[in-house]
Amino acid sequence: MAKYAFQGGYTTETWARFIQNPGDRSAPVRRAVEAAGGKLETLYWSFGEDDFLVIIDCPSDIAAAAVAVAVGSSGALRNTRTTKLIEADEMSQILEKAKAVAGAYVPPGAREPVRA
């Protein structure tokens, strides 16, 4: 399974409800992720631009996107983002593939190489 970071903030209305009825959010988040076939790895609270960071394992990009769309459509969140996380050991494979792509790519405004 691949890992994804889901982060964002709560709306002011959500914060007001949360203050009146505080509780642990990990169980509802876990249920949502599991409904898509995934697993909740961790949930962090934060302050600053974002209010939370959730790391999940999901079987596919489609499953992770389904979680993001379903949770985001609740109206309780703001400025949500989902980022697919890449394991450190995958970086060498990425760089090797990037080498081949870089040789084929022509930047905007540059001339196409003459091919023999």
N, C-alpha and C. Protein backbone atom coordinates (compact mmCIF):
# COMPACT_ATOMS: atom_id res chain seq x y z
N MET A 1 0.85 -1.19 0.00
CA MET A 1 0.00 0.00 0.00
C MET A 1 0.88 1.23 0.00
N ALA A 2 0.38 2.28 -0.60
CA ALA A 2 1.10 3.55 -0.65
C ALA A 2 0.67 4.44 0.52
N LYS A 3 1.56 5.36 0.88
CA LYS A 3 1.27 6.30 1.97
C LYS A 3 0.88 7.65 1.39
N TYR A 4 -0.03 8.31 2.11
CA TYR A 4 -0.52 9.62 1.71
C TYR A 4 -0.59 10.51 2.94
N ALA A 5 -0.26 11.78 2.75
CA ALA A 5 -0.44 12.78 3.80
C ALA A 5 -1.67 13.60 3.44
N PHE A 6 -2.55 13.76 4.39
CA PHE A 6 -3.75 14.56 4.22
C PHE A 6 -3.67 15.66 5.27
N GLN A 7 -3.69 16.91 4.84
CA GLN A 7 -3.58 17.99 5.80
C GLN A 7 -4.52 19.13 5.43
N GLY A 8 -4.80 19.95 6.41
CA GLY A 8 -5.69 21.09 6.19
C GLY A 8 -6.11 21.67 7.52
N GLY A 9 -7.22 22.37 7.48
CA GLY A 9 -7.70 23.03 8.69
C GLY A 9 -9.19 22.87 8.85
N TYR A 10 -9.68 23.26 10.00
CA TYR A 10 -11.10 23.26 10.30
C TYR A 10 -11.68 24.63 10.01
N THR A 11 -12.94 24.68 9.60
CA THR A 11 -13.63 25.96 9.42
C THR A 11 -13.91 26.54 10.81
N THR A 12 -14.24 27.81 10.86
CA THR A 12 -14.56 28.43 12.15
C THR A 12 -15.80 27.79 12.77
N GLU A 13 -16.75 27.40 11.93
CA GLU A 13 -17.95 26.73 12.44
C GLU A 13 -17.59 25.38 13.07
N THR A 14 -16.69 24.66 12.44
CA THR A 14 -16.27 23.37 12.98
C THR A 14 -15.56 23.55 14.31
N TRP A 15 -14.68 24.57 14.39
CA TRP A 15 -14.00 24.82 15.66
C TRP A 15 -15.01 25.13 16.76
N ALA A 16 -16.03 25.92 16.45
CA ALA A 16 -17.04 26.26 17.46
C ALA A 16 -17.76 25.00 17.95
N ARG A 17 -18.13 24.09 17.02
CA ARG A 17 -18.77 22.84 17.42
C ARG A 17 -17.81 21.96 18.23
N PHE A 18 -16.56 21.96 17.81
CA PHE A 18 -15.54 21.14 18.48
C PHE A 18 -15.31 21.61 19.92
N ILE A 19 -15.30 22.91 20.12
CA ILE A 19 -15.13 23.46 21.47
C ILE A 19 -16.30 23.05 22.36
N GLN A 20 -17.52 23.08 21.81
CA GLN A 20 -18.71 22.70 22.57
C GLN A 20 -18.78 21.18 22.82
N ASN A 21 -18.21 20.41 21.90
CA ASN A 21 -18.30 18.95 22.00
C ASN A 21 -16.95 18.34 21.61
N PRO A 22 -15.93 18.52 22.48
CA PRO A 22 -14.60 17.99 22.15
C PRO A 22 -14.58 16.47 22.15
N GLY A 23 -13.63 15.93 21.41
CA GLY A 23 -13.50 14.48 21.39
C GLY A 23 -12.32 14.06 20.54
N ASP A 24 -11.99 12.81 20.66
CA ASP A 24 -10.89 12.23 19.89
C ASP A 24 -11.37 11.99 18.46
N ARG A 25 -10.67 12.53 17.47
CA ARG A 25 -11.08 12.40 16.08
C ARG A 25 -10.50 11.16 15.41
N SER A 26 -9.64 10.42 16.10
CA SER A 26 -8.99 9.31 15.43
C SER A 26 -9.96 8.20 15.04
N ALA A 27 -10.96 7.90 15.83
CA ALA A 27 -11.90 6.82 15.50
C ALA A 27 -12.71 7.14 14.23
N PRO A 28 -13.30 8.34 14.10
CA PRO A 28 -14.03 8.64 12.87
C PRO A 28 -13.12 8.69 11.64
N VAL A 29 -11.92 9.19 11.81
CA VAL A 29 -10.98 9.23 10.69
C VAL A 29 -10.59 7.81 10.30
N ARG A 30 -10.33 6.97 11.27
CA ARG A 30 -9.97 5.57 11.01
C ARG A 30 -11.10 4.86 10.24
N ARG A 31 -12.34 5.05 10.66
CA ARG A 31 -13.48 4.42 9.98
C ARG A 31 -13.56 4.87 8.52
N ALA A 32 -13.35 6.16 8.27
CA ALA A 32 -13.42 6.68 6.90
C ALA A 32 -12.33 6.06 6.03
N VAL A 33 -11.11 6.01 6.55
CA VAL A 33 -9.99 5.44 5.79
C VAL A 33 -10.22 3.94 5.55
N GLU A 34 -10.67 3.23 6.56
CA GLU A 34 -10.92 1.80 6.41
C GLU A 34 -12.05 1.51 5.42
N ALA A 35 -13.02 2.41 5.32
CA ALA A 35 -14.11 2.24 4.35
C ALA A 35 -13.59 2.25 2.91
N ALA A 36 -12.43 2.88 2.70
CA ALA A 36 -11.80 2.92 1.37
C ALA A 36 -10.78 1.80 1.22
N GLY A 37 -10.65 0.94 2.21
CA GLY A 37 -9.69 -0.15 2.14
C GLY A 37 -8.32 0.20 2.66
N GLY A 38 -8.21 1.35 3.33
CA GLY A 38 -6.91 1.81 3.82
C GLY A 38 -6.75 1.63 5.31
N LYS A 39 -5.68 2.22 5.81
CA LYS A 39 -5.34 2.12 7.23
C LYS A 39 -4.82 3.46 7.72
N LEU A 40 -5.32 3.91 8.85
CA LEU A 40 -4.82 5.14 9.48
C LEU A 40 -3.50 4.83 10.16
N GLU A 41 -2.44 5.53 9.76
CA GLU A 41 -1.16 5.35 10.42
C GLU A 41 -1.05 6.26 11.62
N THR A 42 -1.33 7.55 11.42
CA THR A 42 -1.23 8.49 12.53
C THR A 42 -2.02 9.76 12.22
N LEU A 43 -2.40 10.45 13.27
CA LEU A 43 -3.08 11.73 13.16
C LEU A 43 -2.38 12.70 14.11
N TYR A 44 -1.92 13.81 13.57
CA TYR A 44 -1.28 14.84 14.38
C TYR A 44 -2.12 16.11 14.35
N TRP A 45 -2.18 16.78 15.47
CA TRP A 45 -2.73 18.12 15.52
C TRP A 45 -1.58 19.09 15.30
N SER A 46 -1.87 20.24 14.74
CA SER A 46 -0.82 21.23 14.50
C SER A 46 -1.41 22.61 14.64
N PHE A 47 -0.56 23.60 14.71
CA PHE A 47 -1.05 24.97 14.67
C PHE A 47 -0.23 25.73 13.66
N GLY A 48 -0.79 26.82 13.19
CA GLY A 48 -0.22 27.54 12.07
C GLY A 48 -1.25 27.51 10.95
N GLU A 49 -0.80 27.37 9.73
CA GLU A 49 -1.72 27.34 8.59
C GLU A 49 -2.61 26.10 8.62
N ASP A 50 -2.08 24.98 9.08
CA ASP A 50 -2.84 23.74 9.14
C ASP A 50 -3.19 23.38 10.57
N ASP A 51 -4.33 22.69 10.73
CA ASP A 51 -4.79 22.23 12.04
C ASP A 51 -4.50 20.75 12.27
N PHE A 52 -4.28 20.01 11.19
CA PHE A 52 -4.04 18.58 11.32
C PHE A 52 -3.18 18.05 10.19
N LEU A 53 -2.54 16.92 10.47
CA LEU A 53 -1.79 16.14 9.48
C LEU A 53 -2.13 14.69 9.74
N VAL A 54 -2.66 14.01 8.73
CA VAL A 54 -3.04 12.62 8.84
C VAL A 54 -2.20 11.83 7.84
N ILE A 55 -1.59 10.75 8.28
CA ILE A 55 -0.85 9.85 7.40
C ILE A 55 -1.65 8.56 7.29
N ILE A 56 -1.95 8.17 6.04
CA ILE A 56 -2.74 6.97 5.81
C ILE A 56 -2.02 6.06 4.81
N ASP A 57 -2.34 4.77 4.88
CA ASP A 57 -1.93 3.80 3.87
C ASP A 57 -3.18 3.48 3.07
N CYS A 58 -3.08 3.52 1.75
CA CYS A 58 -4.22 3.18 0.90
C CYS A 58 -3.76 2.28 -0.23
N PRO A 59 -4.65 1.40 -0.70
CA PRO A 59 -4.28 0.46 -1.74
C PRO A 59 -4.08 1.10 -3.12
N SER A 60 -4.58 2.33 -3.31
CA SER A 60 -4.47 2.97 -4.62
C SER A 60 -4.69 4.47 -4.49
N ASP A 61 -4.31 5.19 -5.55
CA ASP A 61 -4.59 6.62 -5.60
C ASP A 61 -6.10 6.87 -5.57
N ILE A 62 -6.86 5.98 -6.20
CA ILE A 62 -8.31 6.13 -6.24
C ILE A 62 -8.89 6.04 -4.83
N ALA A 63 -8.42 5.09 -4.04
CA ALA A 63 -8.90 4.94 -2.67
C ALA A 63 -8.55 6.18 -1.84
N ALA A 64 -7.32 6.67 -1.97
CA ALA A 64 -6.90 7.86 -1.22
C ALA A 64 -7.70 9.08 -1.65
N ALA A 65 -7.94 9.21 -2.95
CA ALA A 65 -8.73 10.34 -3.45
C ALA A 65 -10.17 10.25 -2.94
N ALA A 66 -10.70 9.04 -2.86
CA ALA A 66 -12.06 8.86 -2.35
C ALA A 66 -12.17 9.34 -0.91
N VAL A 67 -11.16 9.02 -0.10
CA VAL A 67 -11.15 9.51 1.28
C VAL A 67 -11.12 11.03 1.29
N ALA A 68 -10.24 11.61 0.49
CA ALA A 68 -10.10 13.07 0.46
C ALA A 68 -11.39 13.75 0.01
N VAL A 69 -12.02 13.20 -1.03
CA VAL A 69 -13.26 13.79 -1.54
C VAL A 69 -14.39 13.65 -0.53
N ALA A 70 -14.54 12.47 0.04
CA ALA A 70 -15.62 12.25 1.00
C ALA A 70 -15.48 13.13 2.24
N VAL A 71 -14.29 13.17 2.80
CA VAL A 71 -14.06 13.98 4.00
C VAL A 71 -14.14 15.47 3.65
N GLY A 72 -13.54 15.84 2.53
CA GLY A 72 -13.57 17.25 2.13
C GLY A 72 -14.97 17.75 1.81
N SER A 73 -15.85 16.87 1.35
CA SER A 73 -17.20 17.29 0.98
C SER A 73 -18.09 17.53 2.20
N SER A 74 -17.59 17.21 3.39
CA SER A 74 -18.40 17.39 4.61
C SER A 74 -18.65 18.86 4.92
N GLY A 75 -17.81 19.75 4.38
CA GLY A 75 -17.95 21.17 4.67
C GLY A 75 -17.29 21.58 5.99
N ALA A 76 -16.72 20.63 6.72
CA ALA A 76 -16.13 20.93 8.03
C ALA A 76 -14.68 21.39 7.93
N LEU A 77 -14.07 21.23 6.74
CA LEU A 77 -12.65 21.50 6.60
C LEU A 77 -12.40 22.64 5.63
N ARG A 78 -11.16 23.15 5.68
CA ARG A 78 -10.74 24.19 4.75
C ARG A 78 -9.32 23.88 4.30
N ASN A 79 -9.00 24.31 3.11
CA ASN A 79 -7.63 24.23 2.59
C ASN A 79 -7.02 22.83 2.73
N THR A 80 -7.77 21.81 2.32
CA THR A 80 -7.25 20.46 2.43
C THR A 80 -6.37 20.11 1.23
N ARG A 81 -5.36 19.30 1.51
CA ARG A 81 -4.43 18.83 0.48
C ARG A 81 -4.08 17.38 0.75
N THR A 82 -3.93 16.63 -0.32
CA THR A 82 -3.49 15.25 -0.20
C THR A 82 -2.19 15.12 -0.98
N THR A 83 -1.19 14.53 -0.37
CA THR A 83 0.11 14.36 -0.99
C THR A 83 0.48 12.89 -0.94
N LYS A 84 0.80 12.32 -2.10
CA LYS A 84 1.29 10.94 -2.12
C LYS A 84 2.74 10.96 -1.63
N LEU A 85 3.04 10.11 -0.68
CA LEU A 85 4.38 10.07 -0.10
C LEU A 85 5.20 9.00 -0.80
N ILE A 86 6.47 9.27 -1.01
CA ILE A 86 7.37 8.37 -1.71
C ILE A 86 8.41 7.87 -0.72
N GLU A 87 8.58 6.57 -0.65
CA GLU A 87 9.57 5.96 0.25
C GLU A 87 10.98 6.36 -0.21
N ALA A 88 11.89 6.51 0.72
CA ALA A 88 13.25 6.91 0.41
C ALA A 88 13.93 5.94 -0.55
N ASP A 89 13.65 4.64 -0.41
CA ASP A 89 14.31 3.67 -1.29
C ASP A 89 13.78 3.70 -2.72
N GLU A 90 12.67 4.39 -2.96
CA GLU A 90 12.16 4.54 -4.33
C GLU A 90 12.84 5.68 -5.09
N MET A 91 13.57 6.51 -4.37
CA MET A 91 14.18 7.69 -4.99
C MET A 91 15.18 7.32 -6.08
N SER A 92 15.97 6.28 -5.90
CA SER A 92 16.95 5.91 -6.93
C SER A 92 16.24 5.48 -8.21
N GLN A 93 15.11 4.79 -8.09
CA GLN A 93 14.33 4.41 -9.27
C GLN A 93 13.78 5.64 -9.98
N ILE A 94 13.33 6.61 -9.19
CA ILE A 94 12.79 7.85 -9.76
C ILE A 94 13.89 8.60 -10.51
N LEU A 95 15.05 8.70 -9.90
CA LEU A 95 16.15 9.44 -10.53
C LEU A 95 16.62 8.75 -11.81
N GLU A 96 16.64 7.43 -11.81
CA GLU A 96 17.03 6.69 -13.01
C GLU A 96 16.05 6.95 -14.14
N LYS A 97 14.77 6.91 -13.84
CA LYS A 97 13.75 7.19 -14.84
C LYS A 97 13.81 8.66 -15.28
N ALA A 98 14.09 9.56 -14.34
CA ALA A 98 14.20 10.99 -14.66
C ALA A 98 15.34 11.25 -15.65
N LYS A 99 16.41 10.47 -15.53
CA LYS A 99 17.54 10.62 -16.45
C LYS A 99 17.08 10.38 -17.89
N ALA A 100 16.29 9.35 -18.11
CA ALA A 100 15.77 9.05 -19.46
C ALA A 100 14.80 10.12 -19.92
N VAL A 101 13.95 10.58 -19.04
CA VAL A 101 12.97 11.61 -19.39
C VAL A 101 13.67 12.93 -19.71
N ALA A 102 14.67 13.29 -18.91
CA ALA A 102 15.38 14.55 -19.12
C ALA A 102 16.03 14.60 -20.50
N GLY A 103 16.51 13.45 -20.98
CA GLY A 103 17.12 13.39 -22.31
C GLY A 103 16.12 13.56 -23.43
N ALA A 104 14.86 13.32 -23.16
CA ALA A 104 13.82 13.44 -24.19
C ALA A 104 13.06 14.76 -24.13
N TYR A 105 13.15 15.45 -23.00
CA TYR A 105 12.36 16.66 -22.80
C TYR A 105 13.02 17.88 -23.45
N VAL A 106 12.19 18.70 -24.07
CA VAL A 106 12.64 19.97 -24.65
C VAL A 106 11.87 21.08 -23.93
N PRO A 107 12.56 22.00 -23.23
CA PRO A 107 11.87 23.07 -22.51
C PRO A 107 11.12 24.01 -23.46
N PRO A 108 10.10 24.70 -22.97
CA PRO A 108 9.38 25.65 -23.81
C PRO A 108 10.33 26.70 -24.38
N GLY A 109 10.18 27.00 -25.65
CA GLY A 109 10.98 28.00 -26.32
C GLY A 109 12.31 27.49 -26.85
N ALA A 110 12.70 26.29 -26.47
CA ALA A 110 13.95 25.72 -26.96
C ALA A 110 13.70 25.05 -28.31
N ARG A 111 14.73 24.91 -29.05
CA ARG A 111 14.60 24.25 -30.35
C ARG A 111 14.62 22.74 -30.17
N GLU A 112 13.82 22.07 -30.95
CA GLU A 112 13.82 20.61 -30.97
C GLU A 112 15.15 20.14 -31.51
N PRO A 113 15.74 19.11 -30.92
CA PRO A 113 16.99 18.59 -31.45
C PRO A 113 16.76 17.97 -32.83
N VAL A 114 17.76 18.08 -33.68
CA VAL A 114 17.68 17.47 -35.01
C VAL A 114 18.01 16.00 -34.83
N ARG A 115 17.10 15.15 -35.28
CA ARG A 115 17.29 13.71 -35.13
C ARG A 115 17.75 13.13 -36.47
N ALA A 116 18.73 12.30 -36.42
CA ALA A 116 19.26 11.70 -37.65
C ALA A 116 18.52 10.46 -38.03
